[in-house]
Amino acid sequence: MSDYFYLIYTAFYLGLLIWGIILYQRSRRWGTLLIVLVTAGVLYDNLILSVGSRLGEGDLLFWLSVPRFALHQLLLPWLIYAVYEQLRAAGVTWAQRTWARRAALALSALVMLVGIVTRLWTMQLQIAEMDGVLRYINVGASGPFWVSILSIGMVGVLGIFYGFKKVWPWTTLAALVVFAGEGIGDEAMRRLLGSGLEIVLVVVLLLAESRLPMRKRKSRHHGED
């Protein structure tokens, strides 16, 4: 039953991916591109979850599943830098500083490194079925889901500064909604609902992008009357 929900999620993410690409073509900001890449990553994750039971256990599902884990650890941390760029574009004073940009880059890279060490370096995939969804799980993972906790947590913290500017108050609320979903006791429901709530976060981030001033393109005829 859950695989049909993941298929619906995949369709939603496809629409969000197209929207994100359109926004990136207009803004040409690194932060916009990073949101697009994260959206592509979760689209792929939900797509593989939706077809796992149809593909069945075997090498094909195994190798299609490897990018699910890699993309999550390598891409999600860069939402931190993406939201920092939104703050800079929105005119938040401290975000204009060089140290703030370097800090956002360093923090994103550090969280990614944590994901590599705790999830990818020790990755051991094992087949499992949950609520009708056949998937591979990483039994070699160690410790809490640090990448999700730190990435979404920092997105929520940075979103507070939108509130200070009274520009866009929803980023922090969306992050809190995602965290609330992670607190559900039933694992199958937590995973299913969590994937749906992540859609809310991506929608909020893309809406924030659409509200920001677009970068002006240089005219080819700027020297002419």
C-alpha atoms as a PDB file:
ATOM      1  CA  MET A   1       0.000   0.000   0.000  1.00  0.00           C
ATOM      2  CA  SER A   2       2.754   2.465   0.950  1.00  0.00           C
ATOM      3  CA  ASP A   3       4.458   2.064  -2.423  1.00  0.00           C
ATOM      4  CA  TYR A   4       1.523   3.877  -4.046  1.00  0.00           C
ATOM      5  CA  PHE A   5       2.059   6.816  -1.694  1.00  0.00           C
ATOM      6  CA  TYR A   6       5.726   6.904  -2.663  1.00  0.00           C
ATOM      7  CA  LEU A   7       4.674   6.953  -6.314  1.00  0.00           C
ATOM      8  CA  ILE A   8       2.417   9.953  -5.590  1.00  0.00           C
ATOM      9  CA  TYR A   9       5.293  11.637  -3.755  1.00  0.00           C
ATOM     10  CA  THR A  10       7.514  11.011  -6.782  1.00  0.00           C
ATOM     11  CA  ALA A  11       5.009  12.813  -9.004  1.00  0.00           C
ATOM     12  CA  PHE A  12       4.911  15.768  -6.599  1.00  0.00           C
ATOM     13  CA  TYR A  13       8.702  15.955  -6.498  1.00  0.00           C
ATOM     14  CA  LEU A  14       8.872  15.859 -10.280  1.00  0.00           C
ATOM     15  CA  GLY A  15       6.648  18.913 -10.420  1.00  0.00           C
ATOM     16  CA  LEU A  16       8.764  20.640  -7.763  1.00  0.00           C
ATOM     17  CA  LEU A  17      11.938  19.755  -9.654  1.00  0.00           C
ATOM     18  CA  ILE A  18      10.612  21.387 -12.823  1.00  0.00           C
ATOM     19  CA  TRP A  19       9.575  24.463 -10.833  1.00  0.00           C
ATOM     20  CA  GLY A  20      13.001  24.624  -9.191  1.00  0.00           C
ATOM     21  CA  ILE A  21      14.781  24.435 -12.555  1.00  0.00           C
ATOM     22  CA  ILE A  22      12.646  27.331 -13.834  1.00  0.00           C
ATOM     23  CA  LEU A  23      13.532  29.374 -10.745  1.00  0.00           C
ATOM     24  CA  TYR A  24      17.231  28.600 -11.175  1.00  0.00           C
ATOM     25  CA  GLN A  25      17.133  29.722 -14.812  1.00  0.00           C
ATOM     26  CA  ARG A  26      15.830  33.057 -13.567  1.00  0.00           C
ATOM     27  CA  SER A  27      18.027  33.537 -10.490  1.00  0.00           C
ATOM     28  CA  ARG A  28      21.287  31.760 -11.400  1.00  0.00           C
ATOM     29  CA  ARG A  29      22.049  31.522  -7.679  1.00  0.00           C
ATOM     30  CA  TRP A  30      24.029  28.649  -6.224  1.00  0.00           C
ATOM     31  CA  GLY A  31      21.468  28.326  -3.443  1.00  0.00           C
ATOM     32  CA  THR A  32      18.657  27.784  -5.946  1.00  0.00           C
ATOM     33  CA  LEU A  33      20.692  25.118  -7.732  1.00  0.00           C
ATOM     34  CA  LEU A  34      21.364  23.333  -4.438  1.00  0.00           C
ATOM     35  CA  ILE A  35      17.642  23.186  -3.660  1.00  0.00           C
ATOM     36  CA  VAL A  36      17.073  21.758  -7.149  1.00  0.00           C
ATOM     37  CA  LEU A  37      19.716  19.064  -6.530  1.00  0.00           C
ATOM     38  CA  VAL A  38      18.226  18.134  -3.149  1.00  0.00           C
ATOM     39  CA  THR A  39      14.791  17.913  -4.790  1.00  0.00           C
ATOM     40  CA  ALA A  40      16.229  15.601  -7.465  1.00  0.00           C
ATOM     41  CA  GLY A  41      17.736  13.461  -4.715  1.00  0.00           C
ATOM     42  CA  VAL A  42      14.500  12.973  -2.788  1.00  0.00           C
ATOM     43  CA  LEU A  43      12.635  12.396  -6.055  1.00  0.00           C
ATOM     44  CA  TYR A  44      15.018   9.530  -6.808  1.00  0.00           C
ATOM     45  CA  ASP A  45      14.639   8.184  -3.270  1.00  0.00           C
ATOM     46  CA  ASN A  46      10.855   8.051  -3.511  1.00  0.00           C
ATOM     47  CA  LEU A  47      10.970   6.627  -7.033  1.00  0.00           C
ATOM     48  CA  ILE A  48      13.100   3.654  -5.961  1.00  0.00           C
ATOM     49  CA  LEU A  49      10.885   3.069  -2.914  1.00  0.00           C
ATOM     50  CA  SER A  50       7.815   3.053  -5.171  1.00  0.00           C
ATOM     51  CA  VAL A  51       9.190   0.396  -7.532  1.00  0.00           C
ATOM     52  CA  GLY A  52      11.107  -1.802  -5.082  1.00  0.00           C
ATOM     53  CA  SER A  53       8.348  -4.398  -4.693  1.00  0.00           C
ATOM     54  CA  ARG A  54       7.926  -4.582  -8.463  1.00  0.00           C
ATOM     55  CA  LEU A  55      11.632  -5.056  -9.130  1.00  0.00           C
ATOM     56  CA  GLY A  56      12.076  -7.624  -6.371  1.00  0.00           C
ATOM     57  CA  GLU A  57      15.208  -8.551  -4.457  1.00  0.00           C
ATOM     58  CA  GLY A  58      18.359  -8.707  -6.536  1.00  0.00           C
ATOM     59  CA  ASP A  59      21.322  -6.851  -7.990  1.00  0.00           C
ATOM     60  CA  LEU A  60      19.202  -4.339  -9.900  1.00  0.00           C
ATOM     61  CA  LEU A  61      17.358  -3.079  -6.823  1.00  0.00           C
ATOM     62  CA  PHE A  62      20.596  -3.218  -4.825  1.00  0.00           C
ATOM     63  CA  TRP A  63      22.543  -0.970  -7.197  1.00  0.00           C
ATOM     64  CA  LEU A  64      19.592   1.360  -7.718  1.00  0.00           C
ATOM     65  CA  SER A  65      19.382   1.700  -3.933  1.00  0.00           C
ATOM     66  CA  VAL A  66      23.015   2.726  -3.386  1.00  0.00           C
ATOM     67  CA  PRO A  67      22.463   6.285  -4.756  1.00  0.00           C
ATOM     68  CA  ARG A  68      19.482   6.680  -2.374  1.00  0.00           C
ATOM     69  CA  PHE A  69      21.836   6.704   0.584  1.00  0.00           C
ATOM     70  CA  ALA A  70      24.683   8.544  -1.132  1.00  0.00           C
ATOM     71  CA  LEU A  71      22.533  11.404  -2.414  1.00  0.00           C
ATOM     72  CA  HIS A  72      20.940  11.926   1.003  1.00  0.00           C
ATOM     73  CA  GLN A  73      24.274  12.262   2.794  1.00  0.00           C
ATOM     74  CA  LEU A  74      25.997  14.279   0.067  1.00  0.00           C
ATOM     75  CA  LEU A  75      23.220  16.713  -0.902  1.00  0.00           C
ATOM     76  CA  LEU A  76      20.967  17.379   2.101  1.00  0.00           C
ATOM     77  CA  PRO A  77      23.650  19.268   4.127  1.00  0.00           C
ATOM     78  CA  TRP A  78      23.853  21.895   1.389  1.00  0.00           C
ATOM     79  CA  LEU A  79      20.369  23.121   2.232  1.00  0.00           C
ATOM     80  CA  ILE A  80      22.193  25.001   5.008  1.00  0.00           C
ATOM     81  CA  TYR A  81      24.124  27.040   2.448  1.00  0.00           C
ATOM     82  CA  ALA A  82      21.028  27.406   0.265  1.00  0.00           C
ATOM     83  CA  VAL A  83      19.022  29.017   3.073  1.00  0.00           C
ATOM     84  CA  TYR A  84      21.994  31.233   3.962  1.00  0.00           C
ATOM     85  CA  GLU A  85      21.971  32.475   0.354  1.00  0.00           C
ATOM     86  CA  GLN A  86      18.254  33.199   0.652  1.00  0.00           C
ATOM     87  CA  LEU A  87      18.958  35.333   3.717  1.00  0.00           C
ATOM     88  CA  ARG A  88      21.688  37.195   1.868  1.00  0.00           C
ATOM     89  CA  ALA A  89      19.410  37.844  -1.110  1.00  0.00           C
ATOM     90  CA  ALA A  90      16.660  38.970   1.282  1.00  0.00           C
ATOM     91  CA  GLY A  91      18.986  41.632   2.687  1.00  0.00           C
ATOM     92  CA  VAL A  92      19.737  40.205   6.142  1.00  0.00           C
ATOM     93  CA  THR A  93      22.688  42.319   7.316  1.00  0.00           C
ATOM     94  CA  TRP A  94      24.999  39.705   8.801  1.00  0.00           C
ATOM     95  CA  ALA A  95      24.497  37.420   5.775  1.00  0.00           C
ATOM     96  CA  GLN A  96      26.309  39.995   3.613  1.00  0.00           C
ATOM     97  CA  ARG A  97      29.552  39.407   5.512  1.00  0.00           C
ATOM     98  CA  THR A  98      32.331  37.267   4.062  1.00  0.00           C
ATOM     99  CA  TRP A  99      32.658  35.320   7.311  1.00  0.00           C
ATOM    100  CA  ALA A 100      28.973  34.336   7.124  1.00  0.00           C
ATOM    101  CA  ARG A 101      29.393  32.855   3.658  1.00  0.00           C
ATOM    102  CA  ARG A 102      32.498  30.962   4.720  1.00  0.00           C
ATOM    103  CA  ALA A 103      30.745  29.698   7.843  1.00  0.00           C
ATOM    104  CA  ALA A 104      27.760  28.455   5.824  1.00  0.00           C
ATOM    105  CA  LEU A 105      30.066  26.664   3.385  1.00  0.00           C
ATOM    106  CA  ALA A 106      32.124  25.139   6.188  1.00  0.00           C
ATOM    107  CA  LEU A 107      29.079  24.011   8.151  1.00  0.00           C
ATOM    108  CA  SER A 108      27.498  22.398   5.093  1.00  0.00           C
ATOM    109  CA  ALA A 109      30.745  20.593   4.267  1.00  0.00           C
ATOM    110  CA  LEU A 110      31.178  19.478   7.887  1.00  0.00           C
ATOM    111  CA  VAL A 111      27.677  17.981   8.078  1.00  0.00           C
ATOM    112  CA  MET A 112      28.304  16.220   4.764  1.00  0.00           C
ATOM    113  CA  LEU A 113      31.530  14.780   6.184  1.00  0.00           C
ATOM    114  CA  VAL A 114      29.624  13.519   9.224  1.00  0.00           C
ATOM    115  CA  GLY A 115      27.236  11.728   6.873  1.00  0.00           C
ATOM    116  CA  ILE A 116      30.088  10.152   4.944  1.00  0.00           C
ATOM    117  CA  VAL A 117      31.768   8.864   8.112  1.00  0.00           C
ATOM    118  CA  THR A 118      28.649   7.613   9.923  1.00  0.00           C
ATOM    119  CA  ARG A 119      26.596   6.364   6.980  1.00  0.00           C
ATOM    120  CA  LEU A 120      28.535   5.886   3.738  1.00  0.00           C
ATOM    121  CA  TRP A 121      31.937   4.702   4.984  1.00  0.00           C
ATOM    122  CA  THR A 122      30.327   1.852   6.921  1.00  0.00           C
ATOM    123  CA  MET A 123      27.430   1.217   4.530  1.00  0.00           C
ATOM    124  CA  GLN A 124      26.103  -2.350   4.458  1.00  0.00           C
ATOM    125  CA  LEU A 125      22.813  -2.795   2.637  1.00  0.00           C
ATOM    126  CA  GLN A 126      20.320  -5.463   3.608  1.00  0.00           C
ATOM    127  CA  ILE A 127      16.945  -6.227   2.050  1.00  0.00           C
ATOM    128  CA  ALA A 128      13.848  -5.536   4.153  1.00  0.00           C
ATOM    129  CA  GLU A 129      10.099  -5.266   3.618  1.00  0.00           C
ATOM    130  CA  MET A 130       7.938  -2.790   5.481  1.00  0.00           C
ATOM    131  CA  ASP A 131       4.239  -2.153   4.868  1.00  0.00           C
ATOM    132  CA  GLY A 132       4.440  -3.673   1.406  1.00  0.00           C
ATOM    133  CA  VAL A 133       7.564  -1.725   0.378  1.00  0.00           C
ATOM    134  CA  LEU A 134      10.652  -3.765  -0.526  1.00  0.00           C
ATOM    135  CA  ARG A 135      13.773  -1.741   0.084  1.00  0.00           C
ATOM    136  CA  TYR A 136      17.391  -1.979   1.093  1.00  0.00           C
ATOM    137  CA  ILE A 137      18.312  -0.557   4.483  1.00  0.00           C
ATOM    138  CA  ASN A 138      21.738   0.453   5.748  1.00  0.00           C
ATOM    139  CA  VAL A 139      22.493  -1.894   8.655  1.00  0.00           C
ATOM    140  CA  GLY A 140      26.041  -0.545   8.842  1.00  0.00           C
ATOM    141  CA  ALA A 141      24.932   2.943   9.865  1.00  0.00           C
ATOM    142  CA  SER A 142      26.065   4.167  13.279  1.00  0.00           C
ATOM    143  CA  GLY A 143      24.531   6.695  15.636  1.00  0.00           C
ATOM    144  CA  PRO A 144      21.547   9.021  15.148  1.00  0.00           C
ATOM    145  CA  PHE A 145      20.517  10.420  11.759  1.00  0.00           C
ATOM    146  CA  TRP A 146      22.972  13.274  12.144  1.00  0.00           C
ATOM    147  CA  VAL A 147      22.715  14.615   8.598  1.00  0.00           C
ATOM    148  CA  SER A 148      18.931  14.986   8.799  1.00  0.00           C
ATOM    149  CA  ILE A 149      19.020  16.378  12.343  1.00  0.00           C
ATOM    150  CA  LEU A 150      21.773  18.925  11.689  1.00  0.00           C
ATOM    151  CA  SER A 151      20.684  19.932   8.185  1.00  0.00           C
ATOM    152  CA  ILE A 152      16.977  20.425   8.906  1.00  0.00           C
ATOM    153  CA  GLY A 153      17.796  21.855  12.326  1.00  0.00           C
ATOM    154  CA  MET A 154      20.101  24.528  10.874  1.00  0.00           C
ATOM    155  CA  VAL A 155      17.561  25.320   8.152  1.00  0.00           C
ATOM    156  CA  GLY A 156      15.034  25.946  10.935  1.00  0.00           C
ATOM    157  CA  VAL A 157      17.468  28.109  12.915  1.00  0.00           C
ATOM    158  CA  LEU A 158      18.442  30.185   9.877  1.00  0.00           C
ATOM    159  CA  GLY A 159      14.756  30.550   8.994  1.00  0.00           C
ATOM    160  CA  ILE A 160      14.255  32.495  12.221  1.00  0.00           C
ATOM    161  CA  PHE A 161      16.126  35.401  10.640  1.00  0.00           C
ATOM    162  CA  TYR A 162      13.415  35.600   7.988  1.00  0.00           C
ATOM    163  CA  GLY A 163      11.053  36.358  10.847  1.00  0.00           C
ATOM    164  CA  PHE A 164      13.343  39.121  12.087  1.00  0.00           C
ATOM    165  CA  LYS A 165      13.193  40.707   8.632  1.00  0.00           C
ATOM    166  CA  LYS A 166       9.458  39.932   8.384  1.00  0.00           C
ATOM    167  CA  VAL A 167      10.142  38.557   4.922  1.00  0.00           C
ATOM    168  CA  TRP A 168       9.267  34.866   5.060  1.00  0.00           C
ATOM    169  CA  PRO A 169       8.350  33.234   8.411  1.00  0.00           C
ATOM    170  CA  TRP A 170       7.534  29.745   7.105  1.00  0.00           C
ATOM    171  CA  THR A 171      10.947  28.104   6.762  1.00  0.00           C
ATOM    172  CA  THR A 172      11.333  27.511  10.492  1.00  0.00           C
ATOM    173  CA  LEU A 173       7.750  26.263  10.781  1.00  0.00           C
ATOM    174  CA  ALA A 174       8.300  23.816   7.904  1.00  0.00           C
ATOM    175  CA  ALA A 175      11.452  22.493   9.587  1.00  0.00           C
ATOM    176  CA  LEU A 176       9.512  21.990  12.831  1.00  0.00           C
ATOM    177  CA  VAL A 177       6.811  20.096  10.943  1.00  0.00           C
ATOM    178  CA  VAL A 178       9.449  17.724   9.532  1.00  0.00           C
ATOM    179  CA  PHE A 179      10.873  17.167  13.014  1.00  0.00           C
ATOM    180  CA  ALA A 180       7.370  16.477  14.356  1.00  0.00           C
ATOM    181  CA  GLY A 181       6.942  13.763  11.733  1.00  0.00           C
ATOM    182  CA  GLU A 182      10.220  12.164  12.823  1.00  0.00           C
ATOM    183  CA  GLY A 183       8.809  11.807  16.329  1.00  0.00           C
ATOM    184  CA  ILE A 184       6.115   9.304  15.299  1.00  0.00           C
ATOM    185  CA  GLY A 185       6.596   5.978  17.073  1.00  0.00           C
ATOM    186  CA  ASP A 186       5.556   3.579  14.315  1.00  0.00           C
ATOM    187  CA  GLU A 187       8.543   3.211  11.968  1.00  0.00           C
ATOM    188  CA  ALA A 188       6.572   2.476   8.800  1.00  0.00           C
ATOM    189  CA  MET A 189       4.283   5.448   9.382  1.00  0.00           C
ATOM    190  CA  ARG A 190       7.220   7.653  10.344  1.00  0.00           C
ATOM    191  CA  ARG A 191       9.051   6.878   7.100  1.00  0.00           C
ATOM    192  CA  LEU A 192       5.938   7.297   4.963  1.00  0.00           C
ATOM    193  CA  LEU A 193       4.741  10.495   6.617  1.00  0.00           C
ATOM    194  CA  GLY A 194       8.283  11.864   6.788  1.00  0.00           C
ATOM    195  CA  SER A 195       8.628  11.639   3.008  1.00  0.00           C
ATOM    196  CA  GLY A 196       5.366  13.532   2.642  1.00  0.00           C
ATOM    197  CA  LEU A 197       6.340  16.242   5.119  1.00  0.00           C
ATOM    198  CA  GLU A 198       9.618  16.787   3.305  1.00  0.00           C
ATOM    199  CA  ILE A 199       7.489  17.916   0.363  1.00  0.00           C
ATOM    200  CA  VAL A 200       6.209  20.742   2.571  1.00  0.00           C
ATOM    201  CA  LEU A 201       9.767  21.859   3.301  1.00  0.00           C
ATOM    202  CA  VAL A 202      10.774  21.832  -0.369  1.00  0.00           C
ATOM    203  CA  VAL A 203       7.635  23.780  -1.309  1.00  0.00           C
ATOM    204  CA  VAL A 204       8.410  26.417   1.334  1.00  0.00           C
ATOM    205  CA  LEU A 205      12.030  26.739   0.187  1.00  0.00           C
ATOM    206  CA  LEU A 206      10.997  27.137  -3.449  1.00  0.00           C
ATOM    207  CA  LEU A 207       8.306  29.654  -2.530  1.00  0.00           C
ATOM    208  CA  ALA A 208      10.955  31.612  -0.629  1.00  0.00           C
ATOM    209  CA  GLU A 209      13.150  31.514  -3.738  1.00  0.00           C
ATOM    210  CA  SER A 210      10.295  32.822  -5.885  1.00  0.00           C
ATOM    211  CA  ARG A 211       9.895  35.825  -3.560  1.00  0.00           C
ATOM    212  CA  LEU A 212      13.534  36.873  -3.760  1.00  0.00           C
ATOM    213  CA  PRO A 213      14.796  39.440  -6.284  1.00  0.00           C
ATOM    214  CA  MET A 214      16.092  37.784  -9.430  1.00  0.00           C
ATOM    215  CA  ARG A 215      19.635  38.476 -10.531  1.00  0.00           C
ATOM    216  CA  LYS A 216      19.711  40.956 -13.370  1.00  0.00           C
ATOM    217  CA  ARG A 217      21.304  39.716 -16.552  1.00  0.00           C
ATOM    218  CA  LYS A 218      23.868  41.906 -18.250  1.00  0.00           C
ATOM    219  CA  SER A 219      22.631  43.281 -21.526  1.00  0.00           C
ATOM    220  CA  ARG A 220      24.623  42.425 -24.638  1.00  0.00           C
ATOM    221  CA  HIS A 221      23.935  45.924 -25.912  1.00  0.00           C
ATOM    222  CA  HIS A 222      24.692  47.800 -22.712  1.00  0.00           C
ATOM    223  CA  GLY A 223      26.862  50.303 -24.615  1.00  0.00           C
ATOM    224  CA  GLU A 224      24.153  51.189 -27.100  1.00  0.00           C
ATOM    225  CA  ASP A 225      21.346  53.747 -26.764  1.00  0.00           C
END
